[in-house]
N, C-alpha and C. Protein backbone atom coordinates (compact mmCIF):
# COMPACT_ATOMS: atom_id res chain seq x y z
N MET A 1 1.72 -15.63 -1.82
CA MET A 1 2.03 -14.51 -2.69
C MET A 1 1.22 -13.29 -2.21
N ALA A 2 1.80 -12.12 -2.37
CA ALA A 2 1.18 -10.88 -1.93
C ALA A 2 -0.07 -10.56 -2.76
N PHE A 3 -0.94 -9.82 -2.17
CA PHE A 3 -2.13 -9.28 -2.81
C PHE A 3 -3.20 -10.34 -3.12
N ASN A 4 -3.13 -11.48 -2.39
CA ASN A 4 -4.19 -12.48 -2.49
C ASN A 4 -5.02 -12.43 -1.21
N ASN A 5 -5.50 -11.25 -0.87
CA ASN A 5 -6.30 -11.04 0.33
C ASN A 5 -7.29 -9.88 0.03
N PRO A 6 -8.18 -9.59 0.95
CA PRO A 6 -9.15 -8.51 0.69
C PRO A 6 -8.48 -7.16 0.41
N GLY A 7 -9.07 -6.41 -0.51
CA GLY A 7 -8.57 -5.08 -0.86
C GLY A 7 -9.50 -3.98 -0.39
N TYR A 8 -8.93 -2.88 0.04
CA TYR A 8 -9.71 -1.74 0.52
C TYR A 8 -9.19 -0.47 -0.15
N MET A 9 -10.07 0.54 -0.23
CA MET A 9 -9.69 1.83 -0.81
C MET A 9 -9.92 2.93 0.25
N THR A 10 -8.98 3.87 0.28
CA THR A 10 -9.19 5.02 1.17
C THR A 10 -10.21 5.97 0.55
N ARG A 11 -10.72 6.87 1.34
CA ARG A 11 -11.68 7.84 0.82
C ARG A 11 -11.05 8.71 -0.27
N GLY A 12 -9.80 9.09 -0.08
CA GLY A 12 -9.11 9.91 -1.09
C GLY A 12 -9.00 9.19 -2.41
N PHE A 13 -8.65 7.90 -2.38
CA PHE A 13 -8.55 7.12 -3.61
C PHE A 13 -9.91 7.05 -4.27
N GLN A 14 -10.96 6.78 -3.49
CA GLN A 14 -12.30 6.64 -4.02
C GLN A 14 -12.81 7.93 -4.68
N THR A 15 -12.53 9.07 -4.05
CA THR A 15 -13.10 10.33 -4.51
C THR A 15 -12.24 11.05 -5.57
N GLU A 16 -10.93 10.88 -5.50
CA GLU A 16 -10.06 11.64 -6.41
C GLU A 16 -9.62 10.91 -7.66
N VAL A 17 -9.75 9.59 -7.66
CA VAL A 17 -9.31 8.80 -8.82
C VAL A 17 -10.54 8.36 -9.61
N PRO A 18 -10.65 8.77 -10.85
CA PRO A 18 -11.81 8.37 -11.68
C PRO A 18 -11.94 6.85 -11.74
N ILE A 19 -13.16 6.36 -11.82
CA ILE A 19 -13.41 4.93 -11.79
C ILE A 19 -12.67 4.19 -12.91
N GLU A 20 -12.54 4.80 -14.09
CA GLU A 20 -11.83 4.17 -15.19
C GLU A 20 -10.35 3.94 -14.82
N THR A 21 -9.77 4.90 -14.10
CA THR A 21 -8.39 4.79 -13.67
C THR A 21 -8.26 3.79 -12.54
N GLN A 22 -9.21 3.77 -11.62
CA GLN A 22 -9.22 2.77 -10.56
C GLN A 22 -9.19 1.36 -11.16
N LEU A 23 -10.04 1.13 -12.18
CA LEU A 23 -10.10 -0.18 -12.83
C LEU A 23 -8.79 -0.52 -13.53
N MET A 24 -8.16 0.48 -14.14
CA MET A 24 -6.88 0.27 -14.83
C MET A 24 -5.81 -0.15 -13.80
N ILE A 25 -5.79 0.53 -12.65
CA ILE A 25 -4.82 0.19 -11.60
C ILE A 25 -5.06 -1.23 -11.09
N TYR A 26 -6.31 -1.58 -10.87
CA TYR A 26 -6.67 -2.94 -10.43
C TYR A 26 -6.21 -3.95 -11.48
N ASP A 27 -6.44 -3.65 -12.75
CA ASP A 27 -6.04 -4.55 -13.85
C ASP A 27 -4.50 -4.70 -13.88
N CYS A 28 -3.76 -3.60 -13.72
CA CYS A 28 -2.29 -3.69 -13.67
C CYS A 28 -1.82 -4.58 -12.52
N LEU A 29 -2.45 -4.45 -11.38
CA LEU A 29 -2.10 -5.25 -10.21
C LEU A 29 -2.37 -6.74 -10.49
N GLU A 30 -3.50 -7.05 -11.10
CA GLU A 30 -3.84 -8.43 -11.41
C GLU A 30 -2.87 -9.02 -12.43
N LYS A 31 -2.48 -8.26 -13.45
CA LYS A 31 -1.53 -8.75 -14.44
C LYS A 31 -0.17 -8.99 -13.81
N ALA A 32 0.24 -8.09 -12.90
CA ALA A 32 1.52 -8.27 -12.22
C ALA A 32 1.50 -9.54 -11.35
N LYS A 33 0.38 -9.81 -10.70
CA LYS A 33 0.28 -11.03 -9.88
C LYS A 33 0.49 -12.26 -10.73
N ARG A 34 0.02 -12.25 -11.98
CA ARG A 34 0.16 -13.40 -12.85
C ARG A 34 1.57 -13.50 -13.47
N SER A 35 2.21 -12.36 -13.70
CA SER A 35 3.49 -12.41 -14.44
C SER A 35 4.75 -12.35 -13.55
N LEU A 36 4.65 -11.78 -12.37
CA LEU A 36 5.84 -11.67 -11.51
C LEU A 36 5.93 -12.87 -10.58
N THR A 37 7.13 -13.37 -10.38
CA THR A 37 7.29 -14.48 -9.44
C THR A 37 7.31 -13.97 -7.98
N VAL A 38 7.78 -12.72 -7.80
CA VAL A 38 7.81 -12.10 -6.47
C VAL A 38 7.25 -10.68 -6.60
N MET A 39 6.28 -10.37 -5.69
CA MET A 39 5.75 -9.01 -5.68
C MET A 39 6.13 -8.34 -4.37
N ASP A 40 6.62 -7.13 -4.47
CA ASP A 40 6.92 -6.29 -3.31
C ASP A 40 5.62 -5.95 -2.61
N TYR A 41 5.68 -5.76 -1.29
CA TYR A 41 4.47 -5.41 -0.54
C TYR A 41 3.96 -4.03 -0.94
N LEU A 42 4.82 -3.23 -1.55
CA LEU A 42 4.47 -1.86 -1.95
C LEU A 42 4.50 -1.76 -3.49
N GLN A 43 3.32 -1.49 -4.07
CA GLN A 43 3.20 -1.26 -5.50
C GLN A 43 2.95 0.24 -5.68
N VAL A 44 3.63 0.86 -6.62
CA VAL A 44 3.56 2.30 -6.85
C VAL A 44 2.99 2.56 -8.23
N PHE A 45 2.05 3.50 -8.31
CA PHE A 45 1.44 3.92 -9.57
C PHE A 45 1.59 5.42 -9.68
N LYS A 46 2.36 5.87 -10.68
CA LYS A 46 2.52 7.31 -10.93
C LYS A 46 1.64 7.67 -12.11
N LEU A 47 0.75 8.62 -11.91
CA LEU A 47 -0.20 9.05 -12.93
C LEU A 47 0.09 10.44 -13.38
N ASP A 48 0.07 10.67 -14.70
CA ASP A 48 0.22 12.01 -15.24
C ASP A 48 -0.44 12.10 -16.60
N LYS A 49 -0.53 13.31 -17.08
CA LYS A 49 -1.15 13.63 -18.37
C LYS A 49 -0.10 13.71 -19.43
N VAL A 50 -0.32 13.02 -20.57
CA VAL A 50 0.61 13.11 -21.70
C VAL A 50 -0.19 13.50 -22.95
N SER A 51 0.49 14.15 -23.84
CA SER A 51 -0.13 14.62 -25.08
C SER A 51 0.33 13.76 -26.25
N SER A 52 -0.61 13.43 -27.11
CA SER A 52 -0.29 12.66 -28.31
C SER A 52 -1.21 13.11 -29.44
N ASN A 53 -0.63 13.60 -30.52
CA ASN A 53 -1.42 14.04 -31.67
C ASN A 53 -2.52 15.02 -31.34
N GLY A 54 -2.21 15.96 -30.45
CA GLY A 54 -3.17 17.00 -30.12
C GLY A 54 -4.21 16.61 -29.09
N SER A 55 -4.19 15.40 -28.63
CA SER A 55 -5.12 14.99 -27.57
C SER A 55 -4.34 14.48 -26.37
N TYR A 56 -5.02 14.33 -25.25
CA TYR A 56 -4.34 13.92 -24.02
C TYR A 56 -4.81 12.54 -23.59
N CYS A 57 -3.94 11.87 -22.83
CA CYS A 57 -4.33 10.60 -22.24
C CYS A 57 -3.66 10.46 -20.89
N GLN A 58 -4.20 9.53 -20.12
CA GLN A 58 -3.66 9.23 -18.79
C GLN A 58 -2.53 8.23 -18.91
N ARG A 59 -1.36 8.60 -18.40
CA ARG A 59 -0.25 7.66 -18.36
C ARG A 59 -0.19 7.09 -16.94
N VAL A 60 -0.07 5.76 -16.87
CA VAL A 60 0.05 5.07 -15.58
C VAL A 60 1.33 4.27 -15.60
N VAL A 61 2.27 4.63 -14.73
CA VAL A 61 3.53 3.93 -14.61
C VAL A 61 3.47 3.09 -13.32
N HIS A 62 3.43 1.78 -13.50
CA HIS A 62 3.34 0.84 -12.37
C HIS A 62 4.73 0.33 -12.06
N SER A 63 5.15 0.40 -10.80
CA SER A 63 6.48 -0.07 -10.44
C SER A 63 6.53 -0.67 -9.04
N GLN A 64 7.63 -1.39 -8.82
CA GLN A 64 7.96 -1.89 -7.49
C GLN A 64 9.48 -1.87 -7.38
N GLU A 65 10.00 -1.84 -6.13
CA GLU A 65 11.44 -1.76 -5.94
C GLU A 65 12.11 -3.12 -5.96
N VAL A 66 11.57 -4.12 -5.23
CA VAL A 66 12.25 -5.41 -5.07
C VAL A 66 11.29 -6.54 -5.40
N PRO A 67 11.58 -7.35 -6.43
CA PRO A 67 12.61 -7.09 -7.43
C PRO A 67 12.17 -5.95 -8.35
N PRO A 68 13.10 -5.30 -9.01
CA PRO A 68 12.76 -4.16 -9.87
C PRO A 68 11.74 -4.55 -10.94
N PHE A 69 10.76 -3.69 -11.10
CA PHE A 69 9.70 -3.89 -12.09
C PHE A 69 9.14 -2.53 -12.46
N GLU A 70 8.87 -2.33 -13.75
CA GLU A 70 8.19 -1.11 -14.20
C GLU A 70 7.45 -1.40 -15.51
N LYS A 71 6.22 -0.96 -15.56
CA LYS A 71 5.42 -1.08 -16.79
C LYS A 71 4.58 0.18 -16.94
N THR A 72 4.47 0.65 -18.17
CA THR A 72 3.70 1.85 -18.46
C THR A 72 2.50 1.48 -19.35
N VAL A 73 1.34 2.00 -18.96
CA VAL A 73 0.11 1.81 -19.77
C VAL A 73 -0.53 3.18 -19.96
N TYR A 74 -1.33 3.26 -21.01
CA TYR A 74 -2.02 4.53 -21.33
C TYR A 74 -3.52 4.28 -21.38
N LEU A 75 -4.25 5.28 -20.92
CA LEU A 75 -5.69 5.19 -20.86
C LEU A 75 -6.29 6.43 -21.50
N THR A 76 -7.14 6.26 -22.50
CA THR A 76 -7.78 7.40 -23.14
C THR A 76 -8.98 7.82 -22.30
N LEU A 77 -8.94 9.06 -21.85
CA LEU A 77 -10.00 9.64 -21.01
C LEU A 77 -10.27 11.06 -21.46
N PRO A 78 -11.47 11.58 -21.14
CA PRO A 78 -11.68 13.02 -21.35
C PRO A 78 -10.67 13.80 -20.55
N GLU A 79 -10.20 14.91 -21.07
CA GLU A 79 -9.11 15.66 -20.43
C GLU A 79 -9.42 16.02 -18.97
N ASP A 80 -10.69 16.33 -18.68
CA ASP A 80 -11.03 16.70 -17.30
C ASP A 80 -11.03 15.53 -16.33
N ARG A 81 -10.81 14.31 -16.80
CA ARG A 81 -10.75 13.11 -15.94
C ARG A 81 -9.34 12.59 -15.79
N ILE A 82 -8.37 13.28 -16.40
CA ILE A 82 -6.97 12.88 -16.29
C ILE A 82 -6.38 13.58 -15.07
N ILE A 83 -5.68 12.78 -14.23
CA ILE A 83 -5.15 13.33 -12.99
C ILE A 83 -3.62 13.10 -12.93
N THR A 84 -2.97 13.89 -12.11
CA THR A 84 -1.55 13.74 -11.84
C THR A 84 -1.40 13.50 -10.35
N THR A 85 -0.97 12.30 -10.00
CA THR A 85 -0.84 11.93 -8.59
C THR A 85 0.01 10.67 -8.49
N LYS A 86 0.31 10.28 -7.29
CA LYS A 86 0.99 9.01 -7.02
C LYS A 86 0.09 8.18 -6.11
N ILE A 87 -0.04 6.90 -6.42
CA ILE A 87 -0.89 6.00 -5.66
C ILE A 87 -0.03 4.84 -5.17
N TYR A 88 -0.29 4.45 -3.91
CA TYR A 88 0.36 3.28 -3.36
C TYR A 88 -0.69 2.19 -3.16
N VAL A 89 -0.29 0.96 -3.38
CA VAL A 89 -1.10 -0.18 -2.98
C VAL A 89 -0.18 -0.99 -2.07
N ILE A 90 -0.60 -1.10 -0.79
CA ILE A 90 0.24 -1.69 0.27
C ILE A 90 -0.43 -2.95 0.77
N ASP A 91 0.33 -4.06 0.78
CA ASP A 91 -0.15 -5.31 1.30
C ASP A 91 0.50 -5.54 2.68
N ASP A 92 -0.34 -5.62 3.73
CA ASP A 92 0.19 -5.82 5.08
C ASP A 92 0.05 -7.27 5.56
N GLY A 93 -0.34 -8.15 4.63
CA GLY A 93 -0.51 -9.55 4.98
C GLY A 93 -1.97 -9.94 5.19
N ASP A 94 -2.72 -9.12 5.93
CA ASP A 94 -4.14 -9.38 6.15
C ASP A 94 -5.02 -8.83 5.06
N HIS A 95 -4.61 -7.70 4.49
CA HIS A 95 -5.37 -7.03 3.42
C HIS A 95 -4.43 -6.08 2.65
N HIS A 96 -4.92 -5.58 1.53
CA HIS A 96 -4.14 -4.56 0.81
C HIS A 96 -5.02 -3.31 0.64
N THR A 97 -4.35 -2.17 0.62
CA THR A 97 -5.04 -0.90 0.60
C THR A 97 -4.57 -0.04 -0.55
N PHE A 98 -5.52 0.53 -1.29
CA PHE A 98 -5.27 1.49 -2.37
C PHE A 98 -5.37 2.89 -1.73
N LEU A 99 -4.30 3.69 -1.82
CA LEU A 99 -4.33 5.01 -1.23
C LEU A 99 -3.52 5.98 -2.01
N LEU A 100 -3.88 7.27 -1.89
CA LEU A 100 -3.06 8.31 -2.50
C LEU A 100 -1.78 8.44 -1.67
N ALA A 101 -0.67 8.74 -2.31
CA ALA A 101 0.61 8.90 -1.60
C ALA A 101 0.46 9.98 -0.52
N SER A 102 -0.34 11.01 -0.80
CA SER A 102 -0.53 12.09 0.16
C SER A 102 -1.28 11.63 1.41
N GLU A 103 -1.92 10.46 1.36
CA GLU A 103 -2.62 9.92 2.54
C GLU A 103 -1.74 9.03 3.39
N TYR A 104 -0.53 8.74 2.93
CA TYR A 104 0.34 7.81 3.63
C TYR A 104 0.92 8.41 4.89
C-alpha cells in the first residue's frame, strides 16, 4: 500500500504551512490509509479560508483521482495562520514527499 515508507517535507512546505495545518494534513493522510482500499500515488490538499459566524477557519479539501476520493475538514486557527494554497503528497515507492504545488 502507498505511503507506508519514510516521509519528507520540502522547505516550502516546512516554512509556509503552519505546524497545525501540517499535522492536520498528516492526520488526513493517515485516516485515508486506514479507510481506502487503494490510494493514488498523488494526494492533493487544497487549502483556503472560509468564514463562519463572523470568524474564519482553515478549510482543507483532501482528494485523489484514482479511485475518486474527496473529504473536507475544517481547522480553527488565528486568521493570520490561515493560508490559501495547494499541497501535493507524492509517493514514489521509496518515500513520500509533502510539497507545495508551486514547488512541483
